Protein backbone atom coordinates (compact mmCIF):
# COMPACT_ATOMS: atom_id res chain seq x y z
CA UNK A 1 150.21 205.87 158.57
CA UNK A 2 152.86 206.66 156.02
CA UNK A 3 151.39 204.07 153.73
CA UNK A 4 147.92 205.68 153.97
CA UNK A 5 149.35 209.14 153.17
CA UNK A 6 151.18 207.76 150.16
CA UNK A 7 148.01 206.13 148.86
CA UNK A 8 146.06 209.38 149.26
CA UNK A 9 148.71 211.40 147.38
CA UNK A 10 148.75 208.79 144.61
CA UNK A 11 144.97 208.93 144.28
CA UNK A 12 145.00 212.72 144.07
CA UNK A 13 147.66 212.56 141.35
CA UNK A 14 145.68 210.00 139.35
CA UNK A 15 142.49 212.05 139.65
CA UNK A 16 144.37 215.19 138.58
CA UNK A 17 145.62 213.45 135.44
CA UNK A 18 142.07 212.55 134.51
CA UNK A 19 140.71 216.05 135.13
CA UNK A 20 139.25 217.56 131.93
CA UNK A 21 141.44 220.35 130.40
CA UNK A 22 139.48 223.41 129.14
CA UNK A 23 140.37 224.12 125.43
CA UNK A 24 140.41 227.81 124.40
CA UNK A 25 137.42 229.00 122.40
CA UNK A 26 138.08 229.16 118.64
CA UNK A 27 138.78 232.66 117.27
CA UNK A 28 138.47 233.80 113.65
CA UNK A 29 138.35 237.45 112.64
CA UNK A 30 139.86 240.09 110.32
CA UNK A 31 141.68 243.14 111.64
CA UNK A 32 139.35 245.40 109.60
CA UNK A 33 135.94 245.08 108.02
CA UNK A 34 136.47 247.47 105.09
CA UNK A 35 139.49 247.73 102.82
CA UNK A 36 139.94 250.33 100.05
CA UNK A 37 142.06 249.66 96.98
CA UNK A 38 143.02 251.95 94.07
CA UNK A 39 141.57 251.04 90.68
CA UNK A 40 144.99 250.56 89.09
CA UNK A 41 146.16 247.01 88.27
CA UNK A 42 149.00 246.08 90.58
CA UNK A 43 147.55 248.05 93.48
CA UNK A 44 147.54 245.93 96.65
CA UNK A 45 146.80 245.88 100.36
CA UNK A 46 147.11 243.50 103.31
CA UNK A 47 144.33 242.00 105.41
CA UNK A 48 145.31 240.34 108.70
CA UNK A 49 143.60 237.15 109.90
CA UNK A 50 143.33 237.00 113.70
CA UNK A 51 142.79 233.38 114.69
CA UNK A 52 143.89 230.39 116.75
CA UNK A 53 142.63 227.66 114.37
CA UNK A 54 143.08 226.44 110.82
CA UNK A 55 141.04 228.50 108.35
CA UNK A 56 140.15 228.98 104.67
CA UNK A 57 139.33 232.19 102.77
CA UNK A 58 137.48 232.89 99.53
CA UNK A 59 136.34 235.84 97.42
CA UNK A 60 132.76 236.57 96.47
CA UNK A 61 131.39 235.68 93.04
CA UNK A 62 132.49 238.09 90.30
CA UNK A 63 135.61 239.23 92.14
CA UNK A 64 137.91 238.04 89.34
CA UNK A 65 139.58 241.46 89.42
CA UNK A 66 141.26 240.48 92.69
CA UNK A 67 143.93 237.93 93.55
CA UNK A 68 144.81 236.45 96.96
CA UNK A 69 148.32 235.24 97.77
CA UNK A 70 146.85 232.41 99.89
CA UNK A 71 143.47 230.78 100.50
CA UNK A 72 144.21 228.88 103.72
CA UNK A 73 146.34 229.14 106.82
CA UNK A 74 146.70 228.64 110.55
CA UNK A 75 146.39 231.09 113.43
CA UNK A 76 147.39 234.72 112.85
CA UNK A 77 148.50 235.45 109.29
CA UNK A 78 148.45 238.08 106.54
CA UNK A 79 146.60 237.86 103.24
CA UNK A 80 148.01 240.00 100.41
CA UNK A 81 145.27 241.20 98.03
CA UNK A 82 146.19 242.49 94.55
CA UNK A 83 144.15 244.17 91.80
CA UNK A 84 144.74 242.20 88.58
CA UNK A 85 142.13 243.65 86.20
CA UNK A 86 141.57 247.19 84.94
CA UNK A 87 138.50 249.06 86.13
CA UNK A 88 136.38 250.90 83.58
CA UNK A 89 136.99 253.92 85.77
CA UNK A 90 133.42 255.17 85.76
CA UNK A 91 131.91 252.89 88.42
CA UNK A 92 132.95 251.79 91.87
CA UNK A 93 133.17 248.06 92.49
CA UNK A 94 133.09 245.96 95.64
CA UNK A 95 133.87 242.41 96.66
CA UNK A 96 133.76 240.48 99.90
CA UNK A 97 136.36 238.16 101.38
CA UNK A 98 135.12 235.46 103.76
CA UNK A 99 137.07 233.33 106.24
CA UNK A 100 135.68 230.07 107.69
CA UNK A 101 137.21 227.34 109.90
CA UNK A 102 138.87 224.47 108.06
CA UNK A 103 137.03 222.24 110.54
CA UNK A 104 133.47 222.47 109.26
CA UNK A 105 132.06 221.46 112.64
CA UNK A 106 133.09 224.85 114.04
CA UNK A 107 130.47 227.50 113.36
CA UNK A 108 132.45 230.71 112.78
CA UNK A 109 132.78 233.25 109.97
CA UNK A 110 134.68 236.48 109.35
CA UNK A 111 133.95 238.82 106.48
CA UNK A 112 135.44 242.02 105.08
CA UNK A 113 134.39 244.28 102.21
CA UNK A 114 136.91 245.38 99.58
CA UNK A 115 136.01 248.70 97.96
CA UNK A 116 137.41 250.19 94.80
CA UNK A 117 136.31 253.74 94.12
CA UNK A 118 136.11 255.21 90.61
CA UNK A 119 139.18 256.91 89.19
CA UNK A 120 139.25 260.60 89.88
CA UNK A 121 141.52 263.61 90.07
CA UNK A 122 141.80 265.98 93.00
CA UNK A 123 142.81 269.61 92.57
CA UNK A 124 145.52 270.17 95.20
CA UNK A 125 146.41 273.78 94.43
CA UNK A 126 146.35 276.42 91.73
CA UNK A 127 148.10 279.68 91.09
CA UNK A 128 147.89 282.51 88.55
CA UNK A 129 150.87 284.65 87.61
CA UNK A 130 151.06 287.75 85.47
CA UNK A 131 151.04 291.50 85.12
CA UNK A 132 148.82 294.15 83.57
CA UNK A 133 148.96 292.65 80.06
CA UNK A 134 148.39 289.22 78.55
CA UNK A 135 150.68 286.52 79.96
CA UNK A 136 151.01 282.82 79.16
CA UNK A 137 152.82 279.89 80.77
CA UNK A 138 153.83 277.36 78.12
CA UNK A 139 155.78 274.78 80.13
CA UNK A 140 156.92 273.75 83.61
CA UNK A 141 160.04 271.72 84.47
CA UNK A 142 161.38 270.43 87.77
CA UNK A 143 164.28 272.15 89.49
CA UNK A 144 166.98 270.42 91.54
CA UNK A 145 165.61 271.83 94.83
CA UNK A 146 162.07 270.50 94.35
CA UNK A 147 160.65 273.64 92.79
CA UNK A 148 159.62 274.55 89.25
CA UNK A 149 160.82 276.61 86.34
CA UNK A 150 157.99 278.12 84.29
CA UNK A 151 158.49 279.56 80.81
CA UNK A 152 156.16 281.44 78.49
CA UNK A 153 155.55 284.91 77.14
CA UNK A 154 154.37 288.24 78.48
CA UNK A 155 153.02 291.56 77.25
CA UNK A 156 153.06 293.06 80.74
CA UNK A 157 155.56 295.63 81.94
CA UNK A 158 156.76 296.22 85.51
CA UNK A 159 153.57 294.95 87.15
CA UNK A 160 152.62 291.92 89.19
CA UNK A 161 155.03 289.05 88.56
CA UNK A 162 156.60 290.68 85.48
CA UNK A 163 159.64 292.93 85.18
CA UNK A 164 160.67 295.40 82.47
CA UNK A 165 159.46 294.56 78.98
CA UNK A 166 161.82 295.02 76.02
CA UNK A 167 159.26 295.12 73.22
CA UNK A 168 155.80 293.99 72.15
CA UNK A 169 156.01 290.48 73.62
CA UNK A 170 158.91 289.05 75.63
CA UNK A 171 160.05 285.67 76.89
CA UNK A 172 158.97 285.23 80.51
CA UNK A 173 160.79 282.90 82.91
CA UNK A 174 159.84 282.29 86.55
CA UNK A 175 161.56 280.12 89.14
CA UNK A 176 159.43 278.84 92.04
CA UNK A 177 160.57 277.06 95.18
CA UNK A 178 159.00 273.87 96.55
CA UNK A 179 156.21 275.94 98.14
CA UNK A 180 155.54 277.52 94.73
CA UNK A 181 156.74 280.91 95.97
CA UNK A 182 158.62 283.02 93.42
CA UNK A 183 162.43 282.86 93.73
CA UNK A 184 163.21 285.01 90.68
CA UNK A 185 161.71 286.11 87.37
CA UNK A 186 163.29 287.13 84.09
CA UNK A 187 161.82 289.05 81.17
CA UNK A 188 164.03 288.55 78.12
CA UNK A 189 163.82 289.77 74.55
CA UNK A 190 164.47 292.55 72.10
CA UNK A 191 162.39 295.16 70.34
CA UNK A 192 160.39 292.57 68.37
CA UNK A 193 158.20 289.60 69.26
CA UNK A 194 159.94 287.06 71.51
CA UNK A 195 158.62 284.01 73.34
CA UNK A 196 159.91 281.13 75.47
CA UNK A 197 158.13 277.94 74.53
CA UNK A 198 160.09 275.04 76.04
CA UNK A 199 162.65 274.35 78.77
CA UNK A 200 164.78 271.54 80.18
CA UNK A 201 166.84 271.34 83.37
CA UNK A 202 170.59 270.76 82.99
CA UNK A 203 172.90 268.69 85.18
CA UNK A 204 174.68 271.79 86.52
CA UNK A 205 171.46 273.08 88.09
CA UNK A 206 170.75 275.50 85.26
CA UNK A 207 168.31 275.45 82.38
CA UNK A 208 168.02 275.51 78.61
CA UNK A 209 165.11 277.72 77.51
CA UNK A 210 164.01 277.67 73.88
CA UNK A 211 161.58 279.75 71.87
CA UNK A 212 161.19 282.00 68.85
CA UNK A 213 162.40 285.57 68.26
CA UNK A 214 161.69 288.27 65.71
CA UNK A 215 164.15 290.68 67.33
CA UNK A 216 167.51 291.51 65.78
CA UNK A 217 170.59 292.70 67.67
CA UNK A 218 168.55 294.27 70.45
CA UNK A 219 168.11 293.58 74.14
CA UNK A 220 168.98 289.96 74.90
CA UNK A 221 168.83 288.83 71.26
CA UNK A 222 171.76 288.60 68.85
CA UNK A 223 171.85 288.84 65.07
CA UNK A 224 168.74 287.46 63.37
CA UNK A 225 169.04 285.31 60.23
CA UNK A 226 165.60 286.12 58.83
CA UNK A 227 162.11 287.21 59.75
CA UNK A 228 161.97 284.94 62.82
CA UNK A 229 164.50 282.50 64.29
CA UNK A 230 164.87 279.82 66.89
CA UNK A 231 166.15 281.37 70.11
CA UNK A 232 168.00 279.25 72.67
CA UNK A 233 169.08 280.54 76.09
CA UNK A 234 171.27 278.88 78.73
CA UNK A 235 170.50 280.14 82.22
CA UNK A 236 172.42 279.54 85.42
CA UNK A 237 170.51 278.34 88.49
CA UNK A 238 170.18 281.94 89.74
CA UNK A 239 168.66 283.12 86.46
CA UNK A 240 171.76 284.79 85.06
CA UNK A 241 172.39 284.24 81.36
CA UNK A 242 175.27 281.89 80.52
CA UNK A 243 174.85 282.17 76.74
CA UNK A 244 172.25 282.71 74.02
CA UNK A 245 172.05 281.45 70.46
CA UNK A 246 169.94 282.55 67.49
CA UNK A 247 169.50 279.74 64.97
CA UNK A 248 167.69 279.84 61.66
CA UNK A 249 167.58 280.26 57.91
CA UNK A 250 166.80 283.19 55.62
CA UNK A 251 163.05 283.35 56.24
CA UNK A 252 160.61 282.40 59.02
CA UNK A 253 161.68 279.72 61.49
CA UNK A 254 159.60 278.77 64.53
CA UNK A 255 160.50 276.47 67.44
CA UNK A 256 157.77 274.24 68.88
CA UNK A 257 159.33 271.30 70.74
CA UNK A 258 162.45 270.41 72.73
CA UNK A 259 163.64 267.29 74.56
CA UNK A 260 166.80 266.41 76.49
CA UNK A 261 169.16 263.71 75.23
CA UNK A 262 171.17 261.27 77.35
CA UNK A 263 174.52 262.88 76.44
CA UNK A 264 173.59 266.20 78.05
CA UNK A 265 172.49 267.80 74.81
CA UNK A 266 169.02 268.41 73.45
CA UNK A 267 166.99 268.06 70.28
CA UNK A 268 164.67 270.77 68.98
CA UNK A 269 161.85 270.62 66.42
CA UNK A 270 159.84 273.25 64.59
CA UNK A 271 159.45 274.48 61.05
CA UNK A 272 161.17 276.60 58.45
CA UNK A 273 159.83 278.58 55.49
CA UNK A 274 161.76 277.96 52.27
CA UNK A 275 160.60 281.00 50.29
CA UNK A 276 159.19 284.39 51.33
CA UNK A 277 155.38 284.60 51.44
CA UNK A 278 155.25 280.93 50.48
CA UNK A 279 153.36 277.84 51.58
CA UNK A 280 156.56 275.82 51.07
CA UNK A 281 157.12 275.10 54.76
CA UNK A 282 159.19 272.15 56.03
CA UNK A 283 159.80 270.40 59.32
CA UNK A 284 163.18 271.30 60.83
CA UNK A 285 164.87 269.18 63.52
CA UNK A 286 168.28 269.87 65.06
CA UNK A 287 170.48 268.27 67.71
CA UNK A 288 172.58 270.56 69.93
CA UNK A 289 175.30 269.69 72.42
CA UNK A 290 175.33 271.02 75.98
CA UNK A 291 177.18 274.16 74.85
CA UNK A 292 174.53 275.04 72.28
CA UNK A 293 176.55 273.98 69.24
CA UNK A 294 174.71 272.26 66.38
CA UNK A 295 175.53 268.53 66.09
CA UNK A 296 173.22 267.84 63.15
CA UNK A 297 170.22 269.33 61.39
CA UNK A 298 167.45 267.73 59.29
CA UNK A 299 164.83 269.35 57.07
CA UNK A 300 162.01 267.13 55.76
CA UNK A 301 158.75 267.85 54.01
CA UNK A 302 156.78 268.10 50.82
CA UNK A 303 156.05 270.98 48.46
CA UNK A 304 153.48 272.71 50.67
CA UNK A 305 152.94 273.15 54.41
CA UNK A 306 154.56 270.84 56.96
CA UNK A 307 154.68 272.20 60.51
CA UNK A 308 156.85 270.48 63.14
CA UNK A 309 154.90 270.57 66.39
CA UNK A 310 156.68 268.51 69.06
CA UNK A 311 159.55 266.11 69.76
CA UNK A 312 160.22 263.32 72.27
CA UNK A 313 163.29 261.16 72.93
CA UNK A 314 162.76 257.44 73.61
CA UNK A 315 164.73 255.41 76.15
CA UNK A 316 166.89 253.90 73.38
CA UNK A 317 167.86 257.37 72.13
CA UNK A 318 165.64 257.36 69.07
CA UNK A 319 163.72 260.55 68.37
CA UNK A 320 160.01 260.97 67.65
CA UNK A 321 158.83 264.10 65.86
CA UNK A 322 155.20 264.91 65.15
CA UNK A 323 154.13 267.37 62.47
CA UNK A 324 151.06 268.38 60.55
CA UNK A 325 151.20 268.03 56.78
CA UNK A 326 149.02 269.16 53.89
CA UNK A 327 151.12 267.26 51.35
CA UNK A 328 150.14 264.22 49.32
CA UNK A 329 152.87 262.06 47.79
CA UNK A 330 155.41 264.86 47.44
CA UNK A 331 159.09 264.69 48.38
CA UNK A 332 159.35 263.07 51.87
CA UNK A 333 155.59 262.80 52.45
CA UNK A 334 153.52 259.77 51.45
CA UNK A 335 149.86 259.43 50.49
CA UNK A 336 147.64 261.63 52.63
CA UNK A 337 144.14 260.91 53.90
CA UNK A 338 142.65 264.41 53.62
CA UNK A 339 143.28 268.12 54.03
CA UNK A 340 145.74 267.78 56.89
CA UNK A 341 147.26 264.70 58.54
CA UNK A 342 149.25 263.68 61.56
CA UNK A 343 152.80 263.05 60.29
CA UNK A 344 154.89 260.99 62.70
CA UNK A 345 158.63 260.74 62.04
CA UNK A 346 161.08 258.45 63.82
CA UNK A 347 164.79 259.31 63.64
CA UNK A 348 167.92 257.59 64.90
CA UNK A 349 169.96 259.50 67.46
CA UNK A 350 172.17 260.74 64.60
CA UNK A 351 169.18 262.20 62.77
CA UNK A 352 168.84 259.52 60.09
CA UNK A 353 165.18 258.63 59.36
CA UNK A 354 163.85 255.25 60.54
CA UNK A 355 160.30 255.67 59.24
CA UNK A 356 157.64 258.30 58.49
CA UNK A 357 153.91 257.57 58.84
CA UNK A 358 150.70 259.49 58.05
CA UNK A 359 147.48 259.20 60.07
CA UNK A 360 144.19 260.96 59.46
CA UNK A 361 140.79 261.18 57.82
CA UNK A 362 139.26 263.17 54.98
CA UNK A 363 139.29 266.53 56.81
CA UNK A 364 141.80 268.38 59.01
CA UNK A 365 143.73 266.39 61.60
CA UNK A 366 146.23 268.54 63.50
CA UNK A 367 148.73 267.06 65.99
CA UNK A 368 150.27 269.17 68.76
CA UNK A 369 151.99 266.82 71.23
CA UNK A 370 153.94 263.56 71.29
CA UNK A 371 155.41 261.46 74.11
CA UNK A 372 157.49 258.30 73.90
CA UNK A 373 156.04 255.24 75.68
CA UNK A 374 157.61 252.37 77.61
CA UNK A 375 156.95 249.88 74.79
CA UNK A 376 159.22 251.84 72.46
CA UNK A 377 156.35 253.53 70.67
CA UNK A 378 154.68 256.90 71.07
CA UNK A 379 151.38 258.57 71.94
CA UNK A 380 150.18 261.61 69.97
CA UNK A 381 147.39 264.09 70.71
CA UNK A 382 145.84 266.93 68.76
CA UNK A 383 142.50 267.58 67.08
CA UNK A 384 140.37 266.20 64.25
CA UNK A 385 137.42 267.38 62.17
CA UNK A 386 137.31 264.10 60.22
CA UNK A 387 134.43 261.69 60.64
CA UNK A 388 134.38 257.97 59.83
CA UNK A 389 137.10 258.18 57.21
CA UNK A 390 140.66 256.92 56.93
CA UNK A 391 141.98 256.18 60.41
CA UNK A 392 139.34 258.28 62.16
CA UNK A 393 136.14 257.00 63.75
CA UNK A 394 132.87 258.71 64.65
CA UNK A 395 133.25 262.39 65.45
CA UNK A 396 131.26 263.81 68.39
CA UNK A 397 130.85 267.32 66.97
CA UNK A 398 132.64 270.17 65.27
CA UNK A 399 136.18 269.17 66.31
CA UNK A 400 137.33 266.38 68.60
CA UNK A 401 140.46 265.68 70.56
CA UNK A 402 142.21 262.85 68.69
CA UNK A 403 144.62 260.41 70.35
CA UNK A 404 146.81 258.03 68.32
CA UNK A 405 149.01 255.26 69.80
CA UNK A 406 151.78 253.81 67.62
CA UNK A 407 154.32 251.07 68.30
CA UNK A 408 158.06 251.22 67.68
CA UNK A 409 157.52 250.33 64.01
CA UNK A 410 155.00 253.10 63.46
CA UNK A 411 152.01 250.76 63.32
CA UNK A 412 148.85 252.16 64.88
CA UNK A 413 147.80 250.27 67.98
CA UNK A 414 144.62 252.25 68.58
CA UNK A 415 143.14 255.70 68.18
CA UNK A 416 140.36 257.54 70.01
CA UNK A 417 138.17 260.53 69.24
CA UNK A 418 137.24 262.27 72.49
CA UNK A 419 134.93 265.21 72.96
CA UNK A 420 131.44 266.61 72.77
CA UNK A 421 129.38 268.57 70.29
CA UNK A 422 131.71 271.58 70.42
CA UNK A 423 135.43 271.97 69.88
CA UNK A 424 138.24 270.08 71.59
CA UNK A 425 142.01 269.89 71.13
CA UNK A 426 145.06 268.76 73.13
CA UNK A 427 148.54 270.27 73.36
CA UNK A 428 149.94 267.96 76.07
CA UNK A 429 150.24 264.22 76.71
CA UNK A 430 152.33 262.07 79.04
CA UNK A 431 152.67 258.34 79.63
CA UNK A 432 152.12 257.43 83.30
CA UNK A 433 153.96 254.74 85.34
CA UNK A 434 150.80 252.59 85.57
CA UNK A 435 150.68 252.15 81.79
CA UNK A 436 148.06 254.82 81.20
CA UNK A 437 148.15 258.31 79.75
CA UNK A 438 147.45 261.81 81.02
CA UNK A 439 146.11 264.30 78.50
CA UNK A 440 145.56 268.03 78.86
CA UNK A 441 143.30 269.77 76.39
CA UNK A 442 140.65 272.41 76.00
CA UNK A 443 136.91 272.14 75.38
CA UNK A 444 133.80 274.25 74.99
CA UNK A 445 131.43 271.27 75.02
CA UNK A 446 129.04 270.38 77.83
CA UNK A 447 128.21 266.86 76.64
CA UNK A 448 129.79 263.68 75.32
CA UNK A 449 133.04 262.80 77.06
CA UNK A 450 133.38 266.27 78.56
CA UNK A 451 130.45 266.82 80.90
CA UNK A 452 129.73 270.06 82.81
CA UNK A 453 132.03 272.99 82.04
CA UNK A 454 132.73 276.27 83.80
CA UNK A 455 132.49 278.76 80.95
CA UNK A 456 133.15 279.50 77.30
CA UNK A 457 136.32 277.41 76.97
CA UNK A 458 137.73 275.24 79.73
CA UNK A 459 140.93 273.44 80.47
CA UNK A 460 140.17 269.71 80.11
CA UNK A 461 142.25 266.98 81.77
CA UNK A 462 141.75 263.26 81.13
CA UNK A 463 143.28 259.98 82.26
CA UNK A 464 143.21 257.04 79.82
CA UNK A 465 144.16 253.43 80.50
CA UNK A 466 146.59 251.55 78.27
CA UNK A 467 143.85 250.72 75.77
CA UNK A 468 142.67 254.32 75.44
CA UNK A 469 139.56 254.06 77.63
CA UNK A 470 138.68 257.12 79.73
CA UNK A 471 139.24 256.50 83.43
CA UNK A 472 138.33 260.03 84.49
CA UNK A 473 137.67 263.41 82.91
CA UNK A 474 137.75 266.84 84.59
CA UNK A 475 137.24 270.40 83.42
CA UNK A 476 138.70 273.46 85.13
CA UNK A 477 138.04 277.05 84.31
CA UNK A 478 136.17 280.28 84.75
CA UNK A 479 133.28 281.97 82.99
CA UNK A 480 135.72 283.15 80.32
CA UNK A 481 138.47 281.57 78.23
CA UNK A 482 140.83 278.98 79.72
CA UNK A 483 143.39 276.83 77.94
CA UNK A 484 146.22 274.33 78.57
CA UNK A 485 149.79 274.10 77.36
CA UNK A 486 151.78 271.37 79.16
CA UNK A 487 151.82 268.51 81.69
CA UNK A 488 154.50 267.64 84.23
CA UNK A 489 154.45 264.40 86.25
CA UNK A 490 155.73 264.26 89.84
CA UNK A 491 157.23 261.23 91.59
CA UNK A 492 154.41 261.08 94.18
CA UNK A 493 151.68 260.57 91.55
CA UNK A 494 150.61 264.20 91.43
CA UNK A 495 151.10 266.33 88.34
CA UNK A 496 151.11 269.92 87.14
CA UNK A 497 149.14 271.43 84.28
CA UNK A 498 150.14 274.79 82.85
CA UNK A 499 147.91 277.06 80.86
CA UNK A 500 146.14 280.36 80.54
CA UNK A 501 143.08 281.98 82.08
CA UNK A 502 141.44 285.33 81.43
CA UNK A 503 139.75 285.22 84.84
CA UNK A 504 142.53 286.82 86.85
CA UNK A 505 143.44 289.63 89.22
CA UNK A 506 146.44 290.92 87.28
CA UNK A 507 145.49 291.97 83.75
CA UNK A 508 144.06 290.81 80.43
CA UNK A 509 145.06 287.19 80.94
CA UNK A 510 147.38 285.27 83.25
CA UNK A 511 149.53 282.21 83.25
CA UNK A 512 147.83 279.41 85.18
CA UNK A 513 149.47 276.61 87.17
CA UNK A 514 147.38 273.75 88.59
CA UNK A 515 148.53 270.83 90.73
CA UNK A 516 146.37 267.70 90.68
CA UNK A 517 146.54 264.18 92.09
CA UNK A 518 145.44 261.08 90.22
CA UNK A 519 143.32 259.01 92.61
């Protein structure tokens, strides 16, 4: 009996070993069917493969703007997808990614769509500030607590966001917190015309504010050297004045640009008049230390008008100055192209010239802004009435916004005329971390590169790629006159534009602050 039982158990065991094992059904899928990617090269996203088999993936035809970190794998895995080619910005583009089993006898397929929307800009917030007169915001800078310092000029008096006025026009300074609520305001000046044009934040939490004054020993202004002088103010973080300095020569001096230097000082650019009631105007550049003392000063120009317009400090400490010039082969100025040219000057950190270059056409080409770029060069914006002459291409209308890119040696990489049939100009430009450029300008066109506008003159904001192609273009404004003055980039990809609008609740015209996001 025991032998029979043993035989039965052995038979059952043998039969069990030969019993067919059920294999799991093959699985192949993606964790999502649609994936959105920004249009910027370097943008990336992950797509997860959910599977229990070996698989292969491929992109659809024409998707050479995408790169996969792998094209095959086993079981669950992650595919990293990267944008490797620039979009033209105007059109959306799509591609599909398909997964199939490595074993071709298995009939399975997973597919996902990759979308890339056109470049665009979203208006996040806007704010007007002012009083019962005409008020302008010329620049915004970051504060240590995440807020902003705004500087400009005001003709208002004890109304709205403005305190007591000292004279005809005063410097106007506003500190905002991170919610853009007003922390404090200051109205500074004397009995004459005074304005704040530029500002930088200092390492002690305070600020250097710079502008032009026509006042003399009155109010907040000390002794004047001539008709108008550079006016430099050091403010503490609470808005109290630490010191002020009036800097200039015997006749008119005007300040137009300022940039911080790595040693805690700053460099300022503008122009100086050499003789009373004269067209002999030169570019003036000066380096100051953190206490407001002059380190060096340079005056360059020809025999007629040269107006310093802006300054930027490169990462190696070299200094870029942009000016307009009406000279032709006189003194420091070389051969001109027409009535007025872009004059770009590169200086060492001690003020010694490296090179000076002229760019333009046969008419008036007026620069207003310059920014150093990561390649050691610079980007310049302004306006041009030239047409197919010299360095200038085909003009769209009466006056175009003109962008010029130069390398570290002053050689032109490219230039672009942007605009419509009306009038365009730009007073602000910034290089962006993705290798492109943000430009703020003004326009009264409704065609060409501009498109629909809101009124007579609008604030116009553009994003260009590294080659100068328009990625997006937006106008902002009212039925009246609106203009821009500066750009400020934020670490999260958003940015501020400052300007002016005459569509306001306070008075004749208000300072205007817009916050936008590059998408």
